[in-house]
Each structure stands twice: as structure tokens, then as C-alpha cells.
Amino acid sequence: MIDAAPSGLRRAWVSIGWVGVVAVVALSLMPSPPQLLPVDQADKAEHILAFGGLMFWFAQVYLSRRGRLAAAALLLALGVGIEFAQGQTGYRSFEYADMIADGAGIFVGWLLAPPRLPSLYAWSGRFLLGLSQR
């Protein structure tokens, strides 16, 4: 049913994903980012959630194995790049463990993406189509 989605939905979906990418970069490079989880090593869980969420989001649109591999590779490159940038800031630290957490999140995001869980992208297309027919 993705073909029946309102025009512009794919562009909007990808644009929202890019807003998520910008948010991850900004939060990763700010001096004192908010800590969402009040536990030891919470940043690893936050890496898994952030990169898992991004992969899950982009996997809604990129259904082919090739498209998902490209998204996963680009997200992993982003995570590695962020770590190198953090190492250059003087107020953040470079950590290999963060790169591993990013990769774990990407893996989990891919695993949870359709067809294992329902497609939020397809659902949003049907929802918007239903609204436009009212």
C-alpha cells in the first residue's frame, strides 16, 4: 500500500529522518548534553537508542536490502565520524565503545524494521490518505 501514499510522504519521511541525524550530531558535539537515563554507562544505551531509532526510521522507506545496507553503512560512518570529532573538541571524549554501541543500535533498528514489525511509513500513508478522503 506504500504506492497509495499521498505525494510527498516519502520526501517528508526522509526529511524527518535527516532532522534526527542533525539532532544526533548536535547532541553528540555539545559540551554537556542532557543525560536521558540516570544510570552508569547511560551514554551507551543512548547511542543504541539514537542509532537504532535512526536505522528503524530510514528502514521504513528503504525496503530493499541494498537500500538498508547503504543506510546502515552511512549511519555507522556517521557514528565513527562523530567519535573522531568528539576527540577533537577538548570537552568530549573519543570512545571505541560508543562506536560499538552505534553499530549495535543500527543492528537492532534493522532487526525491528518491517517486515518484523508493522511499517509505520505504510500506516502513515494510509492514515493521511484516509484524512484526505474525508
Protein backbone atom coordinates (compact mmCIF):
# COMPACT_ATOMS: atom_id res chain seq x y z
CA MET A 1 0.00 0.00 0.00
CA ILE A 2 3.01 2.30 0.03
CA ASP A 3 2.24 3.17 -3.60
CA ALA A 4 -1.08 4.67 -2.48
CA ALA A 5 0.65 7.06 -0.08
CA PRO A 6 0.00 10.77 -0.58
CA SER A 7 2.53 12.51 -2.76
CA GLY A 8 5.39 13.99 -0.80
CA LEU A 9 5.16 11.46 2.03
CA ARG A 10 8.46 9.80 1.13
CA ARG A 11 10.24 13.16 0.94
CA ALA A 12 8.72 14.21 4.28
CA TRP A 13 9.66 10.90 5.89
CA VAL A 14 13.28 11.14 4.70
CA SER A 15 13.44 14.81 5.73
CA ILE A 16 12.29 13.97 9.25
CA GLY A 17 14.98 11.29 9.36
CA TRP A 18 17.59 13.90 8.43
CA VAL A 19 16.32 16.13 11.23
CA GLY A 20 17.03 13.18 13.52
CA VAL A 21 20.55 12.89 12.11
CA VAL A 22 21.18 16.60 12.72
CA ALA A 23 19.84 16.26 16.28
CA VAL A 24 22.16 13.31 16.98
CA VAL A 25 25.16 15.25 15.65
CA ALA A 26 24.25 18.37 17.65
CA LEU A 27 23.69 16.42 20.87
CA SER A 28 26.89 14.46 20.32
CA LEU A 29 29.04 17.56 19.90
CA MET A 30 27.58 19.85 22.57
CA PRO A 31 29.69 20.28 25.71
CA SER A 32 27.15 18.95 28.24
CA PRO A 33 24.34 17.03 26.55
CA PRO A 34 21.29 16.11 28.62
CA GLN A 35 21.56 12.65 30.17
CA LEU A 36 18.31 10.83 29.47
CA LEU A 37 18.96 7.74 31.57
CA PRO A 38 20.17 8.17 35.18
CA VAL A 39 22.35 5.03 35.21
CA ASP A 40 26.05 4.25 34.91
CA GLN A 41 27.18 3.99 31.28
CA ALA A 42 23.86 5.51 30.19
CA ASP A 43 25.54 7.02 27.15
CA LYS A 44 25.96 3.54 25.62
CA ALA A 45 22.22 2.92 25.90
CA GLU A 46 21.61 6.37 24.44
CA HIS A 47 23.87 5.53 21.48
CA ILE A 48 21.94 2.30 20.92
CA LEU A 49 18.60 4.13 21.11
CA ALA A 50 19.68 7.00 18.87
CA PHE A 51 21.25 4.94 16.10
CA GLY A 52 18.64 2.19 16.43
CA GLY A 53 15.90 4.78 16.07
CA LEU A 54 17.55 6.31 13.01
CA MET A 55 18.03 2.92 11.35
CA PHE A 56 14.47 1.89 12.16
CA TRP A 57 13.20 5.19 10.72
CA PHE A 58 15.14 5.01 7.47
CA ALA A 59 14.38 1.29 7.07
CA GLN A 60 10.70 2.23 6.79
CA VAL A 61 11.42 3.91 3.46
CA TYR A 62 14.39 1.89 2.20
CA LEU A 63 12.92 -1.58 1.99
CA SER A 64 15.47 -3.27 -0.26
CA ARG A 65 18.49 -5.00 1.24
CA ARG A 66 20.75 -2.71 -0.79
CA GLY A 67 19.00 0.43 0.47
CA ARG A 68 19.16 -0.73 4.06
CA LEU A 69 22.81 -1.70 3.74
CA ALA A 70 23.56 1.78 2.42
CA ALA A 71 21.64 3.40 5.28
CA ALA A 72 23.39 1.18 7.84
CA ALA A 73 26.83 1.90 6.37
CA LEU A 74 26.20 5.65 6.30
CA LEU A 75 24.91 5.66 9.87
CA LEU A 76 27.91 3.67 11.05
CA ALA A 77 30.22 6.09 9.25
CA LEU A 78 28.36 8.93 10.96
CA GLY A 79 28.91 7.32 14.36
CA VAL A 80 32.62 6.83 13.71
CA GLY A 81 32.92 10.39 12.41
CA ILE A 82 31.18 11.77 15.48
CA GLU A 83 33.63 9.93 17.74
CA PHE A 84 36.61 11.41 15.92
CA ALA A 85 35.01 14.86 16.09
CA GLN A 86 34.36 14.43 19.82
CA GLY A 87 38.02 13.53 20.32
CA GLN A 88 38.98 16.86 18.76
CA THR A 89 36.68 19.04 20.86
CA GLY A 90 38.68 19.08 24.08
CA TYR A 91 35.48 18.71 26.13
CA ARG A 92 34.17 15.35 24.82
CA SER A 93 35.98 12.02 24.58
CA PHE A 94 36.70 9.53 21.81
CA GLU A 95 35.46 6.04 22.70
CA TYR A 96 35.52 2.84 20.69
CA ALA A 97 32.73 1.53 22.92
CA ASP A 98 30.46 4.27 21.60
CA MET A 99 31.12 3.10 18.04
CA ILE A 100 30.22 -0.45 19.07
CA ALA A 101 27.02 0.84 20.70
CA ASP A 102 26.17 2.74 17.49
CA GLY A 103 26.64 -0.46 15.49
CA ALA A 104 24.52 -2.43 17.95
CA GLY A 105 21.77 0.15 17.66
CA ILE A 106 21.88 0.03 13.86
CA PHE A 107 21.63 -3.78 14.00
CA VAL A 108 18.65 -3.66 16.39
CA GLY A 109 16.93 -0.96 14.31
CA TRP A 110 17.29 -3.11 11.19
CA LEU A 111 16.00 -6.20 13.01
CA LEU A 112 12.91 -4.39 14.27
CA ALA A 113 12.11 -2.80 10.91
CA PRO A 114 9.45 -4.19 8.59
CA PRO A 115 8.57 -6.93 7.90
CA ARG A 116 9.24 -7.96 11.53
CA LEU A 117 7.22 -5.06 12.91
CA PRO A 118 4.49 -3.23 11.01
CA SER A 119 5.53 -0.46 8.65
CA LEU A 120 4.94 2.93 10.23
CA TYR A 121 5.58 4.51 6.84
CA ALA A 122 2.82 2.47 5.17
CA TRP A 123 0.50 3.14 8.11
CA SER A 124 1.12 6.89 7.90
CA GLY A 125 0.40 6.80 4.17
CA ARG A 126 -2.93 5.02 4.74
CA PHE A 127 -3.77 7.39 7.60
CA LEU A 128 -3.06 10.51 5.52
CA LEU A 129 -4.91 9.05 2.56
CA GLY A 130 -7.91 8.43 4.81
CA LEU A 131 -7.79 12.01 6.07
CA SER A 132 -7.66 13.38 2.54
CA GLN A 133 -10.75 11.38 1.54
CA ARG A 134 -12.91 12.89 4.26
